[in-house]
């Protein structure tokens, strides 16, 4: 318990961690201030006009669907034959759409919490992932480079216990900070929606969907923190994690993606870590592969990555590097 308390004090006293917390708060403040400045409470006339436009948009979707069915049945008037309709009318069936037009879609300059909460949460998760990776890398990297770990081992000469306490303290601190930050962040925008915009439809489906994204985001933040910690441990320096991340982004996500497109490889997106991150966060990500449809008029060339395999890839990568870091740290000469 004393070891964990000592690590908490060491982590909270690091200037880099304090700077990242300040930057996190600053990013929140700027985002909230920008949203508040660009929104206003809609008047009754604006709401009535928006509701009418939404109703007209839904009627237009229904009319297009009925025309598509008429074309399939051969009863569509000749004057309407020039319009484009999909091969399967179910694609434009209003009942099958994820969402229908609502009044908030026709209220420019009005913040809607129900519509914007999820994109704002994605922004928060992206910042927290960066925060966790950088803090995790600097936390262990600085101690290894400065000799702080050696001094700690003189007090507690058990390498795996010390490294495990550092990793556990890091993950626990990042998780608590992420939870507090996300609650304050969403609560702020909920208040903006109530006072200077529209709250929107906040039903059970909305909160369950938002909670699912939040939960998956927290898992991703913890994985990023552990990944930064593991790479910095293997490289004995914070810059090792930063260099590895930069090299991966340039060499593989950009360079290898370009090469795979040039050689016309099948499904190159499934080989990219960013694709699996997106699939995990959203639950399912769709990609386009034109190769199977070469020379055919109608073909569905999309494929998807689901959250299950995506999580497995992230866990194998993070778990493998973390295990390697512990194995190397156990045998390495720290002097």
Protein backbone atom coordinates (compact mmCIF):
# COMPACT_ATOMS: atom_id res chain seq x y z
CA UNK A 1 0.00 0.00 0.00
CA UNK A 2 2.91 2.35 0.75
CA UNK A 3 4.31 1.62 -2.70
CA UNK A 4 1.04 2.57 -4.39
CA UNK A 5 0.80 5.75 -2.31
CA UNK A 6 4.37 6.66 -3.26
CA UNK A 7 3.60 6.10 -6.94
CA UNK A 8 0.47 8.24 -6.72
CA UNK A 9 2.50 11.09 -5.25
CA UNK A 10 5.19 10.64 -7.87
CA UNK A 11 2.66 10.61 -10.72
CA UNK A 12 0.67 13.62 -9.48
CA UNK A 13 3.82 15.68 -8.90
CA UNK A 14 5.15 15.29 -12.43
CA UNK A 15 5.05 18.59 -14.29
CA UNK A 16 4.20 16.93 -17.58
CA UNK A 17 1.13 15.30 -16.05
CA UNK A 18 0.06 18.62 -14.54
CA UNK A 19 0.57 20.31 -17.92
CA UNK A 20 -1.55 17.69 -19.68
CA UNK A 21 -4.34 18.14 -17.14
CA UNK A 22 -4.24 21.90 -17.73
CA UNK A 23 -4.37 21.37 -21.50
CA UNK A 24 -7.29 18.98 -21.03
CA UNK A 25 -9.21 21.57 -19.03
CA UNK A 26 -8.31 24.26 -21.56
CA UNK A 27 -9.58 22.16 -24.47
CA UNK A 28 -12.85 21.57 -22.61
CA UNK A 29 -13.25 25.27 -21.87
CA UNK A 30 -12.57 26.33 -25.47
CA UNK A 31 -14.99 23.74 -26.86
CA UNK A 32 -17.74 24.71 -24.42
CA UNK A 33 -17.22 28.45 -24.97
CA UNK A 34 -17.27 28.03 -28.77
CA UNK A 35 -20.45 25.97 -28.60
CA UNK A 36 -22.14 28.45 -26.28
CA UNK A 37 -21.17 31.42 -28.45
CA UNK A 38 -22.49 29.75 -31.60
CA UNK A 39 -25.85 28.65 -30.22
CA UNK A 40 -29.09 30.31 -29.19
CA UNK A 41 -32.46 29.35 -27.81
CA UNK A 42 -34.81 28.91 -30.79
CA UNK A 43 -37.96 30.99 -30.92
CA UNK A 44 -41.45 29.57 -31.37
CA UNK A 45 -41.51 30.60 -35.03
CA UNK A 46 -38.16 28.91 -35.68
CA UNK A 47 -39.39 25.71 -34.07
CA UNK A 48 -42.61 25.69 -36.08
CA UNK A 49 -40.74 26.28 -39.33
CA UNK A 50 -38.22 23.54 -38.51
CA UNK A 51 -40.98 21.06 -37.66
CA UNK A 52 -42.73 21.82 -40.95
CA UNK A 53 -39.50 21.32 -42.94
CA UNK A 54 -38.82 18.05 -41.14
CA UNK A 55 -42.33 16.80 -41.92
CA UNK A 56 -41.90 17.74 -45.59
CA UNK A 57 -38.56 15.91 -45.71
CA UNK A 58 -40.14 12.76 -44.27
CA UNK A 59 -43.00 13.00 -46.78
CA UNK A 60 -40.47 13.36 -49.61
CA UNK A 61 -38.67 10.21 -48.45
CA UNK A 62 -41.94 8.30 -48.36
CA UNK A 63 -42.88 9.55 -51.83
CA UNK A 64 -39.53 8.46 -53.26
CA UNK A 65 -39.98 5.02 -51.71
CA UNK A 66 -43.46 4.64 -53.20
CA UNK A 67 -42.16 5.71 -56.62
CA UNK A 68 -39.40 3.11 -56.36
CA UNK A 69 -41.99 0.42 -55.61
CA UNK A 70 -44.10 1.63 -58.55
CA UNK A 71 -41.10 1.31 -60.84
CA UNK A 72 -40.57 -2.27 -59.71
CA UNK A 73 -44.26 -3.03 -60.32
CA UNK A 74 -44.19 -1.31 -63.72
CA UNK A 75 -46.78 1.31 -62.75
CA UNK A 76 -44.47 4.33 -62.59
CA UNK A 77 -45.53 7.10 -65.05
CA UNK A 78 -43.19 7.61 -67.98
CA UNK A 79 -42.51 11.19 -66.89
CA UNK A 80 -40.85 9.94 -63.68
CA UNK A 81 -38.75 7.20 -65.31
CA UNK A 82 -35.70 9.50 -65.56
CA UNK A 83 -35.34 9.65 -61.76
CA UNK A 84 -32.69 7.53 -60.11
CA UNK A 85 -33.84 4.73 -57.84
CA UNK A 86 -31.68 2.10 -56.12
CA UNK A 87 -31.84 -1.49 -57.23
CA UNK A 88 -33.42 -2.48 -53.92
CA UNK A 89 -36.17 -0.15 -52.75
CA UNK A 90 -35.60 -1.25 -49.17
CA UNK A 91 -32.48 0.95 -49.20
CA UNK A 92 -34.66 4.08 -49.18
CA UNK A 93 -37.51 2.71 -47.08
CA UNK A 94 -38.05 5.34 -44.34
CA UNK A 95 -38.88 2.60 -41.84
CA UNK A 96 -35.44 1.02 -42.32
CA UNK A 97 -33.44 4.22 -41.94
CA UNK A 98 -31.33 4.71 -38.82
CA UNK A 99 -32.95 8.08 -38.22
CA UNK A 100 -35.53 10.30 -39.92
CA UNK A 101 -35.33 14.08 -40.35
CA UNK A 102 -36.25 15.96 -37.19
CA UNK A 103 -36.78 19.62 -36.38
CA UNK A 104 -33.24 20.02 -35.01
CA UNK A 105 -31.86 19.25 -38.48
CA UNK A 106 -33.41 22.49 -39.74
CA UNK A 107 -32.28 24.79 -36.94
CA UNK A 108 -28.89 26.20 -37.97
CA UNK A 109 -27.04 27.90 -35.17
CA UNK A 110 -28.88 25.94 -32.46
CA UNK A 111 -26.97 23.39 -30.39
CA UNK A 112 -28.85 20.12 -29.87
CA UNK A 113 -27.46 17.96 -27.09
CA UNK A 114 -29.14 14.81 -28.39
CA UNK A 115 -27.51 15.25 -31.80
CA UNK A 116 -24.09 16.54 -30.78
CA UNK A 117 -23.39 14.59 -27.58
CA UNK A 118 -21.92 11.57 -29.37
CA UNK A 119 -19.57 13.53 -31.70
CA UNK A 120 -18.45 15.59 -28.70
CA UNK A 121 -17.82 12.38 -26.76
CA UNK A 122 -15.66 11.06 -29.61
CA UNK A 123 -13.59 14.26 -29.38
CA UNK A 124 -13.19 13.74 -25.64
CA UNK A 125 -12.14 10.12 -26.09
CA UNK A 126 -9.55 11.09 -28.71
CA UNK A 127 -8.02 13.65 -26.33
CA UNK A 128 -8.04 11.19 -23.42
CA UNK A 129 -6.39 8.50 -25.58
CA UNK A 130 -3.60 10.94 -26.41
CA UNK A 131 -3.43 11.98 -22.77
CA UNK A 132 -3.15 8.39 -21.54
CA UNK A 133 -0.51 7.40 -24.10
CA UNK A 134 1.72 10.41 -23.40
CA UNK A 135 1.34 10.25 -19.63
CA UNK A 136 1.97 6.49 -19.60
CA UNK A 137 5.09 6.85 -21.70
CA UNK A 138 6.54 9.78 -19.77
CA UNK A 139 5.71 8.30 -16.36
CA UNK A 140 7.92 5.22 -16.75
CA UNK A 141 10.28 6.63 -19.38
CA UNK A 142 11.46 9.51 -17.21
CA UNK A 143 12.04 7.24 -14.20
CA UNK A 144 14.04 4.74 -16.26
CA UNK A 145 16.13 7.46 -17.87
CA UNK A 146 16.82 9.41 -14.66
CA UNK A 147 17.51 6.44 -12.39
CA UNK A 148 14.36 6.85 -10.32
CA UNK A 149 13.46 3.19 -10.80
CA UNK A 150 16.86 2.11 -9.45
CA UNK A 151 16.36 4.21 -6.33
CA UNK A 152 12.90 2.72 -5.88
CA UNK A 153 14.27 -0.82 -6.18
CA UNK A 154 16.71 -0.12 -3.37
CA UNK A 155 13.67 0.41 -1.15
CA UNK A 156 11.51 -2.36 -2.65
CA UNK A 157 13.84 -4.85 -4.40
CA UNK A 158 11.14 -6.68 -6.36
CA UNK A 159 11.18 -5.66 -9.98
CA UNK A 160 7.86 -7.05 -11.14
CA UNK A 161 6.08 -5.73 -8.05
CA UNK A 162 7.48 -2.25 -8.63
CA UNK A 163 6.64 -2.24 -12.35
CA UNK A 164 3.18 -3.67 -11.65
CA UNK A 165 2.52 -0.99 -9.04
CA UNK A 166 3.54 1.68 -11.53
CA UNK A 167 1.26 0.30 -14.24
CA UNK A 168 -1.65 -0.21 -11.85
CA UNK A 169 -1.28 3.30 -10.43
CA UNK A 170 -1.16 4.74 -13.94
CA UNK A 171 -4.28 2.89 -15.12
CA UNK A 172 -6.24 3.67 -11.95
CA UNK A 173 -5.37 7.37 -12.07
CA UNK A 174 -6.16 7.68 -15.77
CA UNK A 175 -9.48 5.86 -15.29
CA UNK A 176 -10.57 8.12 -12.42
CA UNK A 177 -9.53 11.24 -14.31
CA UNK A 178 -11.31 10.05 -17.46
CA UNK A 179 -14.51 9.35 -15.54
CA UNK A 180 -14.49 12.74 -13.80
CA UNK A 181 -13.63 14.56 -17.01
CA UNK A 182 -16.35 12.84 -19.05
CA UNK A 183 -19.04 13.50 -16.43
CA UNK A 184 -18.08 17.19 -16.19
CA UNK A 185 -17.78 17.44 -19.98
CA UNK A 186 -21.18 15.93 -20.81
CA UNK A 187 -22.87 17.76 -17.95
CA UNK A 188 -21.56 21.07 -19.28
CA UNK A 189 -22.99 20.48 -22.74
CA UNK A 190 -26.24 19.19 -21.28
CA UNK A 191 -26.61 22.53 -19.47
CA UNK A 192 -25.81 24.38 -22.71
CA UNK A 193 -28.52 22.38 -24.48
CA UNK A 194 -31.02 23.24 -21.75
CA UNK A 195 -30.24 26.95 -21.54
CA UNK A 196 -28.88 28.03 -24.93
CA UNK A 197 -30.08 25.38 -27.36
CA UNK A 198 -32.23 22.27 -27.48
CA UNK A 199 -31.93 19.19 -25.26
CA UNK A 200 -33.40 16.97 -27.97
CA UNK A 201 -34.93 13.57 -27.44
CA UNK A 202 -33.12 12.10 -24.44
CA UNK A 203 -34.80 8.71 -24.19
CA UNK A 204 -33.48 5.38 -23.02
CA UNK A 205 -32.05 4.49 -26.42
CA UNK A 206 -30.04 7.71 -26.47
CA UNK A 207 -28.50 7.18 -23.03
CA UNK A 208 -27.77 3.50 -23.66
CA UNK A 209 -26.04 4.32 -26.95
CA UNK A 210 -24.05 7.14 -25.36
CA UNK A 211 -23.13 4.91 -22.42
CA UNK A 212 -21.91 2.18 -24.76
CA UNK A 213 -19.66 4.63 -26.61
CA UNK A 214 -18.39 5.99 -23.30
CA UNK A 215 -17.59 2.52 -21.98
CA UNK A 216 -15.75 1.50 -25.14
CA UNK A 217 -13.89 4.80 -25.05
CA UNK A 218 -12.70 4.22 -21.50
CA UNK A 219 -11.37 0.79 -22.49
CA UNK A 220 -9.51 2.40 -25.38
CA UNK A 221 -8.02 5.05 -23.08
CA UNK A 222 -6.73 2.38 -20.70
CA UNK A 223 -5.27 0.36 -23.58
CA UNK A 224 -3.51 3.45 -24.94
CA UNK A 225 -2.07 4.22 -21.49
CA UNK A 226 -0.77 0.67 -21.10
CA UNK A 227 0.62 0.73 -24.64
CA UNK A 228 2.58 3.93 -24.05
CA UNK A 229 3.85 2.54 -20.75
CA UNK A 230 4.95 -0.75 -22.35
CA UNK A 231 6.77 0.79 -25.34
CA UNK A 232 8.59 3.30 -23.11
CA UNK A 233 9.61 0.45 -20.80
CA UNK A 234 11.00 -1.55 -23.71
CA UNK A 235 12.84 1.48 -25.08
CA UNK A 236 13.91 2.81 -21.66
CA UNK A 237 12.86 6.33 -22.68
CA UNK A 238 9.73 8.39 -23.32
CA UNK A 239 10.94 9.18 -26.82
CA UNK A 240 10.83 5.47 -27.67
CA UNK A 241 7.04 5.48 -27.38
CA UNK A 242 6.71 8.75 -29.27
CA UNK A 243 9.06 7.53 -32.01
CA UNK A 244 7.25 4.19 -32.30
CA UNK A 245 3.87 5.91 -32.63
CA UNK A 246 5.18 8.36 -35.24
CA UNK A 247 6.95 5.61 -37.18
CA UNK A 248 3.85 3.43 -37.24
CA UNK A 249 1.68 6.30 -38.45
CA UNK A 250 4.06 7.33 -41.24
CA UNK A 251 5.42 3.94 -42.33
CA UNK A 252 2.32 1.77 -42.03
CA UNK A 253 -0.85 3.88 -41.88
CA UNK A 254 0.36 6.16 -44.70
CA UNK A 255 3.17 4.39 -46.56
CA UNK A 256 1.91 0.81 -46.43
CA UNK A 257 -1.66 1.89 -47.17
CA UNK A 258 -0.44 3.64 -50.33
CA UNK A 259 1.56 0.59 -51.41
CA UNK A 260 -1.39 -1.74 -50.80
CA UNK A 261 -3.60 0.50 -52.94
CA UNK A 262 -0.99 0.54 -55.74
CA UNK A 263 -0.73 -3.27 -55.81
CA UNK A 264 -4.53 -3.51 -55.60
CA UNK A 265 -4.52 -5.62 -52.43
CA UNK A 266 -7.75 -7.06 -51.07
CA UNK A 267 -9.29 -5.28 -48.09
CA UNK A 268 -6.28 -3.17 -47.02
CA UNK A 269 -8.24 -1.35 -44.31
CA UNK A 270 -8.50 -4.46 -42.17
CA UNK A 271 -4.70 -4.44 -41.82
CA UNK A 272 -4.70 -0.96 -40.24
CA UNK A 273 -4.87 -0.41 -36.50
CA UNK A 274 -6.94 2.76 -37.02
CA UNK A 275 -9.66 0.66 -38.67
CA UNK A 276 -9.90 -1.62 -35.65
CA UNK A 277 -9.96 1.38 -33.31
CA UNK A 278 -12.85 2.84 -35.28
CA UNK A 279 -14.69 -0.49 -35.34
CA UNK A 280 -14.30 -0.87 -31.57
CA UNK A 281 -15.53 2.65 -30.81
CA UNK A 282 -18.52 2.61 -33.13
CA UNK A 283 -19.40 -1.08 -32.79
CA UNK A 284 -19.01 -1.71 -36.51
CA UNK A 285 -17.11 0.03 -39.30
CA UNK A 286 -17.82 -0.39 -43.01
CA UNK A 287 -15.15 -0.18 -45.73
CA UNK A 288 -15.15 -0.33 -49.50
CA UNK A 289 -13.18 -2.83 -51.56
CA UNK A 290 -13.67 -2.34 -55.33
CA UNK A 291 -11.74 -5.42 -56.44
CA UNK A 292 -14.57 -8.02 -56.16
CA UNK A 293 -16.83 -5.85 -58.31
CA UNK A 294 -14.46 -5.35 -61.25
CA UNK A 295 -16.36 -5.69 -64.50
CA UNK A 296 -19.81 -6.02 -62.92
CA UNK A 297 -22.62 -3.50 -63.09
CA UNK A 298 -24.21 -4.14 -59.72
CA UNK A 299 -22.16 -5.43 -56.83
CA UNK A 300 -21.95 -4.80 -53.11
CA UNK A 301 -18.26 -4.18 -52.52
CA UNK A 302 -18.51 -3.17 -48.87
CA UNK A 303 -17.24 -5.18 -45.95
CA UNK A 304 -17.32 -4.50 -42.25
CA UNK A 305 -15.23 -4.90 -39.13
CA UNK A 306 -17.15 -5.56 -35.91
CA UNK A 307 -16.20 -4.67 -32.38
CA UNK A 308 -15.38 -8.25 -31.27
CA UNK A 309 -12.44 -8.96 -33.60
CA UNK A 310 -11.33 -5.33 -33.28
CA UNK A 311 -11.13 -5.61 -29.49
CA UNK A 312 -9.22 -8.88 -29.82
CA UNK A 313 -6.61 -7.20 -32.02
CA UNK A 314 -6.22 -4.30 -29.57
CA UNK A 315 -5.96 -6.66 -26.58
CA UNK A 316 -3.40 -8.92 -28.28
CA UNK A 317 -1.24 -5.95 -29.29
CA UNK A 318 -1.36 -4.22 -25.91
CA UNK A 319 -1.13 -7.44 -23.90
CA UNK A 320 1.79 -8.74 -25.96
CA UNK A 321 3.82 -5.55 -25.62
CA UNK A 322 3.02 -5.27 -21.91
CA UNK A 323 4.08 -8.87 -21.28
CA UNK A 324 7.27 -8.26 -23.25
CA UNK A 325 7.96 -5.13 -21.20
CA UNK A 326 7.63 -7.04 -17.93
CA UNK A 327 9.85 -9.88 -19.24
CA UNK A 328 12.57 -7.48 -20.38
CA UNK A 329 12.37 -5.37 -17.23
CA UNK A 330 12.85 -8.47 -15.08
CA UNK A 331 16.20 -9.34 -16.68
CA UNK A 332 17.52 -5.97 -17.82
CA UNK A 333 20.54 -4.23 -16.32
CA UNK A 334 19.08 -0.92 -15.12
CA UNK A 335 22.42 0.79 -14.42
